[in-house]
Amino acid sequence: MTMLKHLIIDHSIVIQKLLDLGVPKVLVRWLCSFLVERQQRVKFSEYLSDWLTLNKGIPQGSYLGPLIFLILINDLTAGCLLHKFVDDTNLTEIIPKDGSSKISSIINDVISWSCKNLMNINWSKMKDVAIVTKGAKSSFDALSFSNNIVEQVHSFKLA
């Protein structure tokens, strides 16, 4: 399942996570100076936009951007296999024969994490696919969270 989408990364959350990881305070201060009150503008051909001060988010195209995002999602865990790809997260649950799915509970935990970290779930990208062995139950109840129904598909492409 593809789940997370960031809108604007809150610097205070990233800074706290760096401190929790034991990153030396001198490096945290250096990163703060990189992020806080940063100014940027856009150049297109010979045209330049006005300067804009950024107090949230990460400058696009920076070398630190992907690292900062990885730090932000580093503590995302789930009760199943978790695959993180930049701003996409995929959950894989292996259900034993005669077992039952725990995916609803797992997704609720991810939703709680995303709220705590000011991240949004991209419901339009979320898909539910069941890969089953021959003779196993191949239909499952549709997943629904806060009026968002997860589309059930037979295949999908990780993008």
C-alpha atoms as a PDB file:
ATOM      1  CA  MET A   1       0.000   0.000   0.000  1.00  0.00           C
ATOM      2  CA  THR A   2       1.285   3.411  -0.875  1.00  0.00           C
ATOM      3  CA  MET A   3       0.415   5.684   1.969  1.00  0.00           C
ATOM      4  CA  LEU A   4       2.302   8.794   2.961  1.00  0.00           C
ATOM      5  CA  LYS A   5       2.481  12.145   1.296  1.00  0.00           C
ATOM      6  CA  HIS A   6       4.162  15.129   2.847  1.00  0.00           C
ATOM      7  CA  LEU A   7       2.957  18.636   2.304  1.00  0.00           C
ATOM      8  CA  ILE A   8       5.200  20.848   4.387  1.00  0.00           C
ATOM      9  CA  ILE A   9       7.789  19.392   6.705  1.00  0.00           C
ATOM     10  CA  ASP A  10       7.784  21.006  10.144  1.00  0.00           C
ATOM     11  CA  HIS A  11      11.372  21.868  11.116  1.00  0.00           C
ATOM     12  CA  SER A  12      10.753  21.411  14.841  1.00  0.00           C
ATOM     13  CA  ILE A  13       9.785  17.759  14.289  1.00  0.00           C
ATOM     14  CA  VAL A  14      12.960  17.074  12.297  1.00  0.00           C
ATOM     15  CA  ILE A  15      15.109  18.876  14.874  1.00  0.00           C
ATOM     16  CA  GLN A  16      13.594  16.875  17.751  1.00  0.00           C
ATOM     17  CA  LYS A  17      14.165  13.620  15.869  1.00  0.00           C
ATOM     18  CA  LEU A  18      17.805  14.566  15.283  1.00  0.00           C
ATOM     19  CA  LEU A  19      18.249  15.256  18.984  1.00  0.00           C
ATOM     20  CA  ASP A  20      16.505  11.962  19.841  1.00  0.00           C
ATOM     21  CA  LEU A  21      18.953  10.155  17.534  1.00  0.00           C
ATOM     22  CA  GLY A  22      21.863  11.665  19.476  1.00  0.00           C
ATOM     23  CA  VAL A  23      23.100  13.893  16.660  1.00  0.00           C
ATOM     24  CA  PRO A  24      25.602  16.365  18.153  1.00  0.00           C
ATOM     25  CA  LYS A  25      23.982  19.713  18.937  1.00  0.00           C
ATOM     26  CA  VAL A  26      26.523  21.580  16.820  1.00  0.00           C
ATOM     27  CA  LEU A  27      25.302  19.657  13.743  1.00  0.00           C
ATOM     28  CA  VAL A  28      21.653  20.243  14.700  1.00  0.00           C
ATOM     29  CA  ARG A  29      22.350  24.000  14.976  1.00  0.00           C
ATOM     30  CA  TRP A  30      24.079  23.900  11.576  1.00  0.00           C
ATOM     31  CA  LEU A  31      21.071  22.157  10.042  1.00  0.00           C
ATOM     32  CA  CYS A  32      18.755  24.724  11.677  1.00  0.00           C
ATOM     33  CA  SER A  33      20.715  27.515  10.034  1.00  0.00           C
ATOM     34  CA  PHE A  34      20.277  25.702   6.705  1.00  0.00           C
ATOM     35  CA  LEU A  35      16.500  25.373   7.152  1.00  0.00           C
ATOM     36  CA  VAL A  36      15.210  28.315   9.186  1.00  0.00           C
ATOM     37  CA  GLU A  37      14.538  31.675   7.504  1.00  0.00           C
ATOM     38  CA  ARG A  38      15.930  30.315   4.256  1.00  0.00           C
ATOM     39  CA  GLN A  39      15.226  32.440   1.208  1.00  0.00           C
ATOM     40  CA  GLN A  40      14.638  31.209  -2.282  1.00  0.00           C
ATOM     41  CA  ARG A  41      13.458  32.416  -5.638  1.00  0.00           C
ATOM     42  CA  VAL A  42      12.850  30.887  -9.031  1.00  0.00           C
ATOM     43  CA  LYS A  43      14.679  31.677 -12.242  1.00  0.00           C
ATOM     44  CA  PHE A  44      12.992  30.905 -15.553  1.00  0.00           C
ATOM     45  CA  SER A  45      14.918  31.952 -18.632  1.00  0.00           C
ATOM     46  CA  GLU A  46      15.902  35.557 -17.844  1.00  0.00           C
ATOM     47  CA  TYR A  47      13.042  36.108 -15.367  1.00  0.00           C
ATOM     48  CA  LEU A  48      13.496  36.018 -11.604  1.00  0.00           C
ATOM     49  CA  SER A  49      10.725  35.766  -9.033  1.00  0.00           C
ATOM     50  CA  ASP A  50      10.701  37.777  -5.816  1.00  0.00           C
ATOM     51  CA  TRP A  51      12.509  36.322  -2.819  1.00  0.00           C
ATOM     52  CA  LEU A  52      10.388  34.141  -0.535  1.00  0.00           C
ATOM     53  CA  THR A  53      11.313  33.263   3.053  1.00  0.00           C
ATOM     54  CA  LEU A  54      10.702  29.626   3.960  1.00  0.00           C
ATOM     55  CA  ASN A  55       9.973  28.609   7.541  1.00  0.00           C
ATOM     56  CA  LYS A  56       8.796  25.089   6.771  1.00  0.00           C
ATOM     57  CA  GLY A  57       9.647  22.483   4.181  1.00  0.00           C
ATOM     58  CA  ILE A  58      12.945  21.512   2.641  1.00  0.00           C
ATOM     59  CA  PRO A  59      14.597  23.321  -0.246  1.00  0.00           C
ATOM     60  CA  GLN A  60      13.979  21.324  -3.414  1.00  0.00           C
ATOM     61  CA  GLY A  61      17.089  20.075  -5.164  1.00  0.00           C
ATOM     62  CA  SER A  62      19.268  20.272  -2.061  1.00  0.00           C
ATOM     63  CA  TYR A  63      21.552  17.398  -1.141  1.00  0.00           C
ATOM     64  CA  LEU A  64      20.245  17.474   2.424  1.00  0.00           C
ATOM     65  CA  GLY A  65      16.567  17.222   1.427  1.00  0.00           C
ATOM     66  CA  PRO A  66      16.415  13.421   1.003  1.00  0.00           C
ATOM     67  CA  LEU A  67      18.468  12.885   4.169  1.00  0.00           C
ATOM     68  CA  ILE A  68      16.179  15.148   6.191  1.00  0.00           C
ATOM     69  CA  PHE A  69      13.123  13.309   4.890  1.00  0.00           C
ATOM     70  CA  LEU A  70      14.677   9.936   5.776  1.00  0.00           C
ATOM     71  CA  ILE A  71      15.290  11.217   9.299  1.00  0.00           C
ATOM     72  CA  LEU A  72      11.656  12.297   9.464  1.00  0.00           C
ATOM     73  CA  ILE A  73      10.289   8.861   8.505  1.00  0.00           C
ATOM     74  CA  ASN A  74      12.982   6.798  10.248  1.00  0.00           C
ATOM     75  CA  ASP A  75      10.778   6.025  13.262  1.00  0.00           C
ATOM     76  CA  LEU A  76       7.768   4.917  11.211  1.00  0.00           C
ATOM     77  CA  THR A  77       7.174   1.276  12.094  1.00  0.00           C
ATOM     78  CA  ALA A  78       4.298  -1.084  11.479  1.00  0.00           C
ATOM     79  CA  GLY A  79       3.222  -4.561  12.531  1.00  0.00           C
ATOM     80  CA  CYS A  80       4.145  -5.862   9.082  1.00  0.00           C
ATOM     81  CA  LEU A  81       6.843  -5.524   6.442  1.00  0.00           C
ATOM     82  CA  LEU A  82       7.416  -1.855   5.677  1.00  0.00           C
ATOM     83  CA  HIS A  83       9.076  -0.505   2.540  1.00  0.00           C
ATOM     84  CA  LYS A  84       9.895   3.207   2.450  1.00  0.00           C
ATOM     85  CA  PHE A  85      10.648   4.886  -0.871  1.00  0.00           C
ATOM     86  CA  VAL A  86      11.241   8.636  -0.532  1.00  0.00           C
ATOM     87  CA  ASP A  87       7.683   9.853   0.123  1.00  0.00           C
ATOM     88  CA  ASP A  88       5.944   6.535  -0.553  1.00  0.00           C
ATOM     89  CA  THR A  89       5.467   3.814   2.027  1.00  0.00           C
ATOM     90  CA  ASN A  90       4.336   0.289   1.231  1.00  0.00           C
ATOM     91  CA  LEU A  91       2.990  -2.189   3.754  1.00  0.00           C
ATOM     92  CA  THR A  92       3.129  -5.943   3.188  1.00  0.00           C
ATOM     93  CA  GLU A  93       1.243  -8.301   5.444  1.00  0.00           C
ATOM     94  CA  ILE A  94       1.814 -12.039   5.254  1.00  0.00           C
ATOM     95  CA  ILE A  95      -1.208 -13.854   6.638  1.00  0.00           C
ATOM     96  CA  PRO A  96      -0.585 -17.439   7.751  1.00  0.00           C
ATOM     97  CA  LYS A  97      -2.904 -20.182   6.523  1.00  0.00           C
ATOM     98  CA  ASP A  98      -6.131 -20.020   8.546  1.00  0.00           C
ATOM     99  CA  GLY A  99      -4.937 -16.687  10.002  1.00  0.00           C
ATOM    100  CA  SER A 100      -6.652 -13.331   9.895  1.00  0.00           C
ATOM    101  CA  SER A 101      -5.508  -9.956   8.641  1.00  0.00           C
ATOM    102  CA  LYS A 102      -4.366  -7.255  11.037  1.00  0.00           C
ATOM    103  CA  ILE A 103      -3.973  -4.649   8.280  1.00  0.00           C
ATOM    104  CA  SER A 104      -6.767  -2.372   9.582  1.00  0.00           C
ATOM    105  CA  SER A 105      -5.037  -2.047  12.933  1.00  0.00           C
ATOM    106  CA  ILE A 106      -1.662  -1.604  11.245  1.00  0.00           C
ATOM    107  CA  ILE A 107      -2.987   1.179   9.011  1.00  0.00           C
ATOM    108  CA  ASN A 108      -4.612   2.875  12.000  1.00  0.00           C
ATOM    109  CA  ASP A 109      -1.177   2.910  13.682  1.00  0.00           C
ATOM    110  CA  VAL A 110       0.357   4.459  10.547  1.00  0.00           C
ATOM    111  CA  ILE A 111      -2.435   7.060  10.458  1.00  0.00           C
ATOM    112  CA  SER A 112      -1.690   7.942  14.108  1.00  0.00           C
ATOM    113  CA  TRP A 113       2.025   8.264  13.310  1.00  0.00           C
ATOM    114  CA  SER A 114       1.270  10.467  10.304  1.00  0.00           C
ATOM    115  CA  CYS A 115      -0.938  12.785  12.388  1.00  0.00           C
ATOM    116  CA  LYS A 116       1.723  13.070  15.099  1.00  0.00           C
ATOM    117  CA  ASN A 117       4.333  13.935  12.465  1.00  0.00           C
ATOM    118  CA  LEU A 118       2.078  16.327  10.523  1.00  0.00           C
ATOM    119  CA  MET A 119       2.116  14.085   7.464  1.00  0.00           C
ATOM    120  CA  ASN A 120      -0.895  13.380   5.250  1.00  0.00           C
ATOM    121  CA  ILE A 121      -2.151  10.105   3.873  1.00  0.00           C
ATOM    122  CA  ASN A 122      -2.546  10.234   0.110  1.00  0.00           C
ATOM    123  CA  TRP A 123      -5.766   8.245  -0.106  1.00  0.00           C
ATOM    124  CA  SER A 124      -5.907   8.483  -3.899  1.00  0.00           C
ATOM    125  CA  LYS A 125      -2.646   6.524  -4.185  1.00  0.00           C
ATOM    126  CA  MET A 126      -3.522   3.879  -1.613  1.00  0.00           C
ATOM    127  CA  LYS A 127      -4.249   0.457  -3.108  1.00  0.00           C
ATOM    128  CA  ASP A 128      -5.079  -2.914  -1.582  1.00  0.00           C
ATOM    129  CA  VAL A 129      -3.867  -5.987  -3.453  1.00  0.00           C
ATOM    130  CA  ALA A 130      -4.138  -9.583  -2.260  1.00  0.00           C
ATOM    131  CA  ILE A 131      -1.666 -12.153  -3.572  1.00  0.00           C
ATOM    132  CA  VAL A 132      -2.887 -15.588  -2.544  1.00  0.00           C
ATOM    133  CA  THR A 133      -1.885 -19.190  -3.072  1.00  0.00           C
ATOM    134  CA  LYS A 134      -3.993 -21.476  -5.216  1.00  0.00           C
ATOM    135  CA  GLY A 135      -7.182 -22.492  -3.435  1.00  0.00           C
ATOM    136  CA  ALA A 136      -6.889 -19.777  -0.757  1.00  0.00           C
ATOM    137  CA  LYS A 137      -9.521 -17.164  -0.080  1.00  0.00           C
ATOM    138  CA  SER A 138      -9.018 -14.486  -2.721  1.00  0.00           C
ATOM    139  CA  SER A 139     -11.528 -11.846  -1.642  1.00  0.00           C
ATOM    140  CA  PHE A 140     -11.235  -9.662   1.401  1.00  0.00           C
ATOM    141  CA  ASP A 141     -13.437  -6.975   2.890  1.00  0.00           C
ATOM    142  CA  ALA A 142     -12.767  -3.487   1.566  1.00  0.00           C
ATOM    143  CA  LEU A 143     -10.682  -1.304   3.856  1.00  0.00           C
ATOM    144  CA  SER A 144     -12.207   1.981   4.947  1.00  0.00           C
ATOM    145  CA  PHE A 145     -10.747   4.725   7.162  1.00  0.00           C
ATOM    146  CA  SER A 146     -12.490   8.013   7.980  1.00  0.00           C
ATOM    147  CA  ASN A 147     -14.753   7.826   4.920  1.00  0.00           C
ATOM    148  CA  ASN A 148     -11.799   6.874   2.698  1.00  0.00           C
ATOM    149  CA  ILE A 149     -12.295   3.538   0.955  1.00  0.00           C
ATOM    150  CA  VAL A 150      -9.102   1.821  -0.180  1.00  0.00           C
ATOM    151  CA  GLU A 151      -9.324   0.667  -3.787  1.00  0.00           C
ATOM    152  CA  GLN A 152      -8.891  -3.090  -4.218  1.00  0.00           C
ATOM    153  CA  VAL A 153      -6.828  -3.986  -7.289  1.00  0.00           C
ATOM    154  CA  HIS A 154      -5.320  -7.122  -8.826  1.00  0.00           C
ATOM    155  CA  SER A 155      -2.025  -5.432  -9.678  1.00  0.00           C
ATOM    156  CA  PHE A 156      -0.310  -2.073  -9.383  1.00  0.00           C
ATOM    157  CA  LYS A 157       2.965  -0.419 -10.306  1.00  0.00           C
ATOM    158  CA  LEU A 158       5.269   1.037  -7.679  1.00  0.00           C
ATOM    159  CA  ALA A 159       6.161   4.516  -8.881  1.00  0.00           C
END
